[in-house]
Amino acid sequence: MVYDCFQFFNELDMLYIRMKVLNDVVDRFVVSEATETFSGLKKPLLFEENREMFREFEHKIIHQVVEDTVGDTTHAR
């Protein structure tokens, strides 16, 4: 199986293009999205809020939500 794994912040259009281009060669898309930014600010789960946009790839998507970031500084995260 071929997995495409990536961190997601807010690039919805780029993510859609990525999935469209790779759809024929990838078995699973692993979308890793954190509930905090690298600077420690809270952020909404934009992928989940816009999941309908990716319905044609739904059967291939694994959405990994990261809630337990480690470290107190940008570089530690």
PDB file of N, CA and C in Angstrom:
ATOM      1  N   MET A   1       0.839  -1.186   0.000  1.00  0.00           N
ATOM      2  CA  MET A   1       0.000   0.000   0.000  1.00  0.00           C
ATOM      3  C   MET A   1       0.879   1.243   0.000  1.00  0.00           C
ATOM      4  N   VAL A   2       0.389   2.269  -0.649  1.00  0.00           N
ATOM      5  CA  VAL A   2       1.092   3.553  -0.721  1.00  0.00           C
ATOM      6  C   VAL A   2       0.331   4.573   0.117  1.00  0.00           C
ATOM      7  N   TYR A   3       1.031   5.161   1.089  1.00  0.00           N
ATOM      8  CA  TYR A   3       0.450   6.178   1.965  1.00  0.00           C
ATOM      9  C   TYR A   3       1.071   7.532   1.648  1.00  0.00           C
ATOM     10  N   ASP A   4       0.243   8.553   1.567  1.00  0.00           N
ATOM     11  CA  ASP A   4       0.717   9.931   1.445  1.00  0.00           C
ATOM     12  C   ASP A   4       0.402  10.601   2.774  1.00  0.00           C
ATOM     13  N   CYS A   5       1.443  10.927   3.546  1.00  0.00           N
ATOM     14  CA  CYS A   5       1.269  11.484   4.890  1.00  0.00           C
ATOM     15  C   CYS A   5       1.777  12.918   4.919  1.00  0.00           C
ATOM     16  N   PHE A   6       1.010  13.795   5.538  1.00  0.00           N
ATOM     17  CA  PHE A   6       1.414  15.202   5.559  1.00  0.00           C
ATOM     18  C   PHE A   6       0.737  15.934   6.699  1.00  0.00           C
ATOM     19  N   GLN A   7       1.374  17.021   7.130  1.00  0.00           N
ATOM     20  CA  GLN A   7       0.799  17.900   8.143  1.00  0.00           C
ATOM     21  C   GLN A   7      -0.094  18.908   7.442  1.00  0.00           C
ATOM     22  N   PHE A   8      -1.255  19.161   8.021  1.00  0.00           N
ATOM     23  CA  PHE A   8      -2.200  20.111   7.440  1.00  0.00           C
ATOM     24  C   PHE A   8      -2.412  21.272   8.397  1.00  0.00           C
ATOM     25  N   PHE A   9      -2.388  22.497   7.838  1.00  0.00           N
ATOM     26  CA  PHE A   9      -2.664  23.686   8.651  1.00  0.00           C
ATOM     27  C   PHE A   9      -3.962  24.333   8.190  1.00  0.00           C
ATOM     28  N   ASN A  10      -3.946  24.936   6.991  1.00  0.00           N
ATOM     29  CA  ASN A  10      -5.158  25.592   6.477  1.00  0.00           C
ATOM     30  C   ASN A  10      -5.201  25.652   4.952  1.00  0.00           C
ATOM     31  N   GLU A  11      -4.367  24.881   4.288  1.00  0.00           N
ATOM     32  CA  GLU A  11      -4.200  24.958   2.838  1.00  0.00           C
ATOM     33  C   GLU A  11      -5.219  24.068   2.116  1.00  0.00           C
ATOM     34  N   LEU A  12      -6.487  24.414   2.201  1.00  0.00           N
ATOM     35  CA  LEU A  12      -7.557  23.569   1.662  1.00  0.00           C
ATOM     36  C   LEU A  12      -7.436  23.352   0.158  1.00  0.00           C
ATOM     37  N   ASP A  13      -7.209  24.413  -0.601  1.00  0.00           N
ATOM     38  CA  ASP A  13      -7.111  24.273  -2.056  1.00  0.00           C
ATOM     39  C   ASP A  13      -5.902  23.441  -2.462  1.00  0.00           C
ATOM     40  N   MET A  14      -4.778  23.672  -1.796  1.00  0.00           N
ATOM     41  CA  MET A  14      -3.578  22.887  -2.108  1.00  0.00           C
ATOM     42  C   MET A  14      -3.783  21.414  -1.762  1.00  0.00           C
ATOM     43  N   LEU A  15      -4.477  21.151  -0.669  1.00  0.00           N
ATOM     44  CA  LEU A  15      -4.750  19.768  -0.281  1.00  0.00           C
ATOM     45  C   LEU A  15      -5.646  19.086  -1.310  1.00  0.00           C
ATOM     46  N   TYR A  16      -6.645  19.804  -1.787  1.00  0.00           N
ATOM     47  CA  TYR A  16      -7.528  19.229  -2.802  1.00  0.00           C
ATOM     48  C   TYR A  16      -6.733  18.885  -4.067  1.00  0.00           C
ATOM     49  N   ILE A  17      -5.888  19.809  -4.512  1.00  0.00           N
ATOM     50  CA  ILE A  17      -5.068  19.559  -5.709  1.00  0.00           C
ATOM     51  C   ILE A  17      -4.152  18.365  -5.474  1.00  0.00           C
ATOM     52  N   ARG A  18      -3.546  18.295  -4.307  1.00  0.00           N
ATOM     53  CA  ARG A  18      -2.657  17.179  -3.975  1.00  0.00           C
ATOM     54  C   ARG A  18      -3.392  15.845  -4.090  1.00  0.00           C
ATOM     55  N   MET A  19      -4.582  15.770  -3.503  1.00  0.00           N
ATOM     56  CA  MET A  19      -5.348  14.526  -3.549  1.00  0.00           C
ATOM     57  C   MET A  19      -5.802  14.195  -4.961  1.00  0.00           C
ATOM     58  N   LYS A  20      -6.174  15.192  -5.710  1.00  0.00           N
ATOM     59  CA  LYS A  20      -6.611  14.979  -7.099  1.00  0.00           C
ATOM     60  C   LYS A  20      -5.459  14.415  -7.933  1.00  0.00           C
ATOM     61  N   VAL A  21      -4.280  15.004  -7.793  1.00  0.00           N
ATOM     62  CA  VAL A  21      -3.113  14.585  -8.577  1.00  0.00           C
ATOM     63  C   VAL A  21      -2.636  13.187  -8.175  1.00  0.00           C
ATOM     64  N   LEU A  22      -2.640  12.893  -6.888  1.00  0.00           N
ATOM     65  CA  LEU A  22      -2.091  11.625  -6.398  1.00  0.00           C
ATOM     66  C   LEU A  22      -3.115  10.497  -6.270  1.00  0.00           C
ATOM     67  N   ASN A  23      -4.362  10.784  -6.502  1.00  0.00           N
ATOM     68  CA  ASN A  23      -5.430   9.818  -6.261  1.00  0.00           C
ATOM     69  C   ASN A  23      -5.206   8.459  -6.928  1.00  0.00           C
ATOM     70  N   ASP A  24      -4.695   8.447  -8.136  1.00  0.00           N
ATOM     71  CA  ASP A  24      -4.524   7.186  -8.865  1.00  0.00           C
ATOM     72  C   ASP A  24      -3.333   6.355  -8.389  1.00  0.00           C
ATOM     73  N   VAL A  25      -2.423   6.962  -7.631  1.00  0.00           N
ATOM     74  CA  VAL A  25      -1.223   6.231  -7.213  1.00  0.00           C
ATOM     75  C   VAL A  25      -1.116   6.047  -5.697  1.00  0.00           C
ATOM     76  N   VAL A  26      -2.055   6.605  -4.949  1.00  0.00           N
ATOM     77  CA  VAL A  26      -2.021   6.529  -3.487  1.00  0.00           C
ATOM     78  C   VAL A  26      -3.213   5.711  -2.991  1.00  0.00           C
ATOM     79  N   ASP A  27      -2.947   4.846  -2.006  1.00  0.00           N
ATOM     80  CA  ASP A  27      -4.018   4.043  -1.416  1.00  0.00           C
ATOM     81  C   ASP A  27      -4.676   4.741  -0.229  1.00  0.00           C
ATOM     82  N   ARG A  28      -3.897   5.505   0.534  1.00  0.00           N
ATOM     83  CA  ARG A  28      -4.419   6.221   1.699  1.00  0.00           C
ATOM     84  C   ARG A  28      -3.755   7.590   1.813  1.00  0.00           C
ATOM     85  N   PHE A  29      -4.571   8.579   2.168  1.00  0.00           N
ATOM     86  CA  PHE A  29      -4.075   9.919   2.481  1.00  0.00           C
ATOM     87  C   PHE A  29      -4.169  10.087   3.993  1.00  0.00           C
ATOM     88  N   VAL A  30      -3.051  10.351   4.643  1.00  0.00           N
ATOM     89  CA  VAL A  30      -3.042  10.557   6.087  1.00  0.00           C
ATOM     90  C   VAL A  30      -2.881  12.055   6.344  1.00  0.00           C
ATOM     91  N   VAL A  31      -3.961  12.670   6.799  1.00  0.00           N
ATOM     92  CA  VAL A  31      -3.986  14.105   7.080  1.00  0.00           C
ATOM     93  C   VAL A  31      -3.764  14.287   8.577  1.00  0.00           C
ATOM     94  N   SER A  32      -2.626  14.840   8.941  1.00  0.00           N
ATOM     95  CA  SER A  32      -2.297  15.069  10.347  1.00  0.00           C
ATOM     96  C   SER A  32      -2.540  16.542  10.655  1.00  0.00           C
ATOM     97  N   GLU A  33      -3.449  16.799  11.595  1.00  0.00           N
ATOM     98  CA  GLU A  33      -3.840  18.177  11.907  1.00  0.00           C
ATOM     99  C   GLU A  33      -3.833  18.376  13.421  1.00  0.00           C
ATOM    100  N   ALA A  34      -3.165  19.435  13.863  1.00  0.00           N
ATOM    101  CA  ALA A  34      -3.058  19.720  15.294  1.00  0.00           C
ATOM    102  C   ALA A  34      -4.112  20.724  15.738  1.00  0.00           C
ATOM    103  N   THR A  35      -4.408  20.692  17.024  1.00  0.00           N
ATOM    104  CA  THR A  35      -5.360  21.637  17.610  1.00  0.00           C
ATOM    105  C   THR A  35      -4.666  22.917  18.071  1.00  0.00           C
ATOM    106  N   GLU A  36      -3.336  22.975  17.874  1.00  0.00           N
ATOM    107  CA  GLU A  36      -2.545  24.163  18.193  1.00  0.00           C
ATOM    108  C   GLU A  36      -1.596  24.455  17.045  1.00  0.00           C
ATOM    109  N   THR A  37      -1.227  25.719  16.896  1.00  0.00           N
ATOM    110  CA  THR A  37      -0.204  26.096  15.926  1.00  0.00           C
ATOM    111  C   THR A  37       1.163  25.783  16.528  1.00  0.00           C
ATOM    112  N   PHE A  38       2.224  25.905  15.719  1.00  0.00           N
ATOM    113  CA  PHE A  38       3.572  25.682  16.250  1.00  0.00           C
ATOM    114  C   PHE A  38       3.941  26.724  17.299  1.00  0.00           C
ATOM    115  N   SER A  39       3.292  27.883  17.267  1.00  0.00           N
ATOM    116  CA  SER A  39       3.563  28.911  18.282  1.00  0.00           C
ATOM    117  C   SER A  39       2.693  28.735  19.526  1.00  0.00           C
ATOM    118  N   GLY A  40       1.868  27.688  19.561  1.00  0.00           N
ATOM    119  CA  GLY A  40       1.092  27.366  20.751  1.00  0.00           C
ATOM    120  C   GLY A  40      -0.307  27.952  20.799  1.00  0.00           C
ATOM    121  N   LEU A  41      -0.731  28.625  19.737  1.00  0.00           N
ATOM    122  CA  LEU A  41      -2.079  29.188  19.699  1.00  0.00           C
ATOM    123  C   LEU A  41      -3.092  28.109  19.341  1.00  0.00           C
ATOM    124  N   LYS A  42      -4.262  28.171  19.931  1.00  0.00           N
ATOM    125  CA  LYS A  42      -5.329  27.225  19.595  1.00  0.00           C
ATOM    126  C   LYS A  42      -5.779  27.467  18.163  1.00  0.00           C
ATOM    127  N   LYS A  43      -6.115  26.383  17.454  1.00  0.00           N
ATOM    128  CA  LYS A  43      -6.623  26.520  16.090  1.00  0.00           C
ATOM    129  C   LYS A  43      -7.770  25.550  15.872  1.00  0.00           C
ATOM    130  N   PRO A  44      -8.723  25.942  15.037  1.00  0.00           N
ATOM    131  CA  PRO A  44      -9.828  25.030  14.728  1.00  0.00           C
ATOM    132  C   PRO A  44      -9.345  23.910  13.804  1.00  0.00           C
ATOM    133  N   LEU A  45     -10.069  22.814  13.786  1.00  0.00           N
ATOM    134  CA  LEU A  45      -9.751  21.708  12.884  1.00  0.00           C
ATOM    135  C   LEU A  45     -10.392  22.002  11.529  1.00  0.00           C
ATOM    136  N   LEU A  46      -9.663  22.713  10.691  1.00  0.00           N
ATOM    137  CA  LEU A  46     -10.199  23.178   9.415  1.00  0.00           C
ATOM    138  C   LEU A  46     -10.494  22.040   8.449  1.00  0.00           C
ATOM    139  N   PHE A  47      -9.689  20.980   8.496  1.00  0.00           N
ATOM    140  CA  PHE A  47      -9.983  19.858   7.605  1.00  0.00           C
ATOM    141  C   PHE A  47     -11.346  19.270   7.944  1.00  0.00           C
ATOM    142  N   GLU A  48     -11.578  19.036   9.221  1.00  0.00           N
ATOM    143  CA  GLU A  48     -12.855  18.451   9.652  1.00  0.00           C
ATOM    144  C   GLU A  48     -14.023  19.360   9.285  1.00  0.00           C
ATOM    145  N   GLU A  49     -13.846  20.661   9.466  1.00  0.00           N
ATOM    146  CA  GLU A  49     -14.904  21.620   9.140  1.00  0.00           C
ATOM    147  C   GLU A  49     -15.206  21.670   7.643  1.00  0.00           C
ATOM    148  N   ASN A  50     -14.240  21.278   6.813  1.00  0.00           N
ATOM    149  CA  ASN A  50     -14.390  21.346   5.356  1.00  0.00           C
ATOM    150  C   ASN A  50     -14.305  19.974   4.701  1.00  0.00           C
ATOM    151  N   ARG A  51     -14.563  18.939   5.452  1.00  0.00           N
ATOM    152  CA  ARG A  51     -14.401  17.562   4.967  1.00  0.00           C
ATOM    153  C   ARG A  51     -15.250  17.270   3.726  1.00  0.00           C
ATOM    154  N   GLU A  52     -16.388  17.908   3.617  1.00  0.00           N
ATOM    155  CA  GLU A  52     -17.271  17.702   2.462  1.00  0.00           C
ATOM    156  C   GLU A  52     -16.552  18.009   1.143  1.00  0.00           C
ATOM    157  N   MET A  53     -15.621  18.934   1.189  1.00  0.00           N
ATOM    158  CA  MET A  53     -14.848  19.315   0.000  1.00  0.00           C
ATOM    159  C   MET A  53     -14.052  18.123  -0.553  1.00  0.00           C
ATOM    160  N   PHE A  54     -13.773  17.142   0.289  1.00  0.00           N
ATOM    161  CA  PHE A  54     -12.925  16.002  -0.075  1.00  0.00           C
ATOM    162  C   PHE A  54     -13.706  14.688  -0.147  1.00  0.00           C
ATOM    163  N   ARG A  55     -15.011  14.774  -0.319  1.00  0.00           N
ATOM    164  CA  ARG A  55     -15.862  13.574  -0.286  1.00  0.00           C
ATOM    165  C   ARG A  55     -15.481  12.532  -1.331  1.00  0.00           C
ATOM    166  N   GLU A  56     -14.952  12.955  -2.479  1.00  0.00           N
ATOM    167  CA  GLU A  56     -14.579  11.971  -3.510  1.00  0.00           C
ATOM    168  C   GLU A  56     -13.383  11.112  -3.095  1.00  0.00           C
ATOM    169  N   PHE A  57     -12.638  11.556  -2.092  1.00  0.00           N
ATOM    170  CA  PHE A  57     -11.481  10.806  -1.598  1.00  0.00           C
ATOM    171  C   PHE A  57     -11.747  10.182  -0.227  1.00  0.00           C
ATOM    172  N   GLU A  58     -12.941  10.343   0.279  1.00  0.00           N
ATOM    173  CA  GLU A  58     -13.280   9.956   1.657  1.00  0.00           C
ATOM    174  C   GLU A  58     -12.840   8.530   2.005  1.00  0.00           C
ATOM    175  N   HIS A  59     -12.995   7.613   1.079  1.00  0.00           N
ATOM    176  CA  HIS A  59     -12.653   6.216   1.343  1.00  0.00           C
ATOM    177  C   HIS A  59     -11.147   5.994   1.519  1.00  0.00           C
ATOM    178  N   LYS A  60     -10.346   7.005   1.188  1.00  0.00           N
ATOM    179  CA  LYS A  60      -8.894   6.891   1.309  1.00  0.00           C
ATOM    180  C   LYS A  60      -8.317   7.738   2.441  1.00  0.00           C
ATOM    181  N   ILE A  61      -9.124   8.551   3.084  1.00  0.00           N
ATOM    182  CA  ILE A  61      -8.614   9.531   4.046  1.00  0.00           C
ATOM    183  C   ILE A  61      -8.578   8.977   5.472  1.00  0.00           C
ATOM    184  N   ILE A  62      -7.437   9.178   6.115  1.00  0.00           N
ATOM    185  CA  ILE A  62      -7.272   8.936   7.548  1.00  0.00           C
ATOM    186  C   ILE A  62      -6.950  10.302   8.147  1.00  0.00           C
ATOM    187  N   HIS A  63      -7.840  10.816   8.983  1.00  0.00           N
ATOM    188  CA  HIS A  63      -7.628  12.130   9.604  1.00  0.00           C
ATOM    189  C   HIS A  63      -7.086  11.920  11.006  1.00  0.00           C
ATOM    190  N   GLN A  64      -5.840  12.310  11.214  1.00  0.00           N
ATOM    191  CA  GLN A  64      -5.178  12.152  12.508  1.00  0.00           C
ATOM    192  C   GLN A  64      -5.180  13.506  13.215  1.00  0.00           C
ATOM    193  N   VAL A  65      -5.860  13.593  14.342  1.00  0.00           N
ATOM    194  CA  VAL A  65      -5.907  14.833  15.120  1.00  0.00           C
ATOM    195  C   VAL A  65      -4.862  14.746  16.230  1.00  0.00           C
ATOM    196  N   VAL A  66      -3.965  15.728  16.257  1.00  0.00           N
ATOM    197  CA  VAL A  66      -2.904  15.785  17.266  1.00  0.00           C
ATOM    198  C   VAL A  66      -3.308  16.806  18.318  1.00  0.00           C
ATOM    199  N   GLU A  67      -3.569  16.322  19.531  1.00  0.00           N
ATOM    200  CA  GLU A  67      -4.004  17.203  20.614  1.00  0.00           C
ATOM    201  C   GLU A  67      -2.954  17.361  21.704  1.00  0.00           C
ATOM    202  N   ASP A  68      -1.950  16.539  21.675  1.00  0.00           N
ATOM    203  CA  ASP A  68      -0.961  16.552  22.755  1.00  0.00           C
ATOM    204  C   ASP A  68       0.413  16.957  22.239  1.00  0.00           C
ATOM    205  N   THR A  69       0.542  18.221  21.853  1.00  0.00           N
ATOM    206  CA  THR A  69       1.837  18.704  21.392  1.00  0.00           C
ATOM    207  C   THR A  69       2.795  18.765  22.574  1.00  0.00           C
ATOM    208  N   VAL A  70       4.048  18.524  22.298  1.00  0.00           N
ATOM    209  CA  VAL A  70       5.067  18.458  23.344  1.00  0.00           C
ATOM    210  C   VAL A  70       5.966  19.681  23.250  1.00  0.00           C
ATOM    211  N   GLY A  71       6.294  20.259  24.369  1.00  0.00           N
ATOM    212  CA  GLY A  71       7.228  21.376  24.400  1.00  0.00           C
ATOM    213  C   GLY A  71       6.541  22.704  24.613  1.00  0.00           C
ATOM    214  N   ASP A  72       7.301  23.633  25.165  1.00  0.00           N
ATOM    215  CA  ASP A  72       6.755  24.950  25.475  1.00  0.00           C
ATOM    216  C   ASP A  72       7.159  26.021  24.477  1.00  0.00           C
ATOM    217  N   THR A  73       8.054  25.693  23.567  1.00  0.00           N
ATOM    218  CA  THR A  73       8.513  26.692  22.602  1.00  0.00           C
ATOM    219  C   THR A  73       8.215  26.228  21.185  1.00  0.00           C
ATOM    220  N   THR A  74       8.285  27.165  20.264  1.00  0.00           N
ATOM    221  CA  THR A  74       8.053  26.852  18.854  1.00  0.00           C
ATOM    222  C   THR A  74       8.992  25.752  18.382  1.00  0.00           C
ATOM    223  N   HIS A  75      10.254  25.838  18.728  1.00  0.00           N
ATOM    224  CA  HIS A  75      11.240  24.856  18.264  1.00  0.00           C
ATOM    225  C   HIS A  75      11.050  23.494  18.922  1.00  0.00           C
ATOM    226  N   ALA A  76      10.557  23.472  20.129  1.00  0.00           N
ATOM    227  CA  ALA A  76      10.322  22.198  20.818  1.00  0.00           C
ATOM    228  C   ALA A  76       9.123  21.464  20.235  1.00  0.00           C
ATOM    229  N   ARG A  77       8.138  22.215  19.727  1.00  0.00           N
ATOM    230  CA  ARG A  77       6.941  21.591  19.174  1.00  0.00           C
ATOM    231  C   ARG A  77       7.266  20.971  17.841  1.00  0.00           C
TER     232      ARG A  77
END
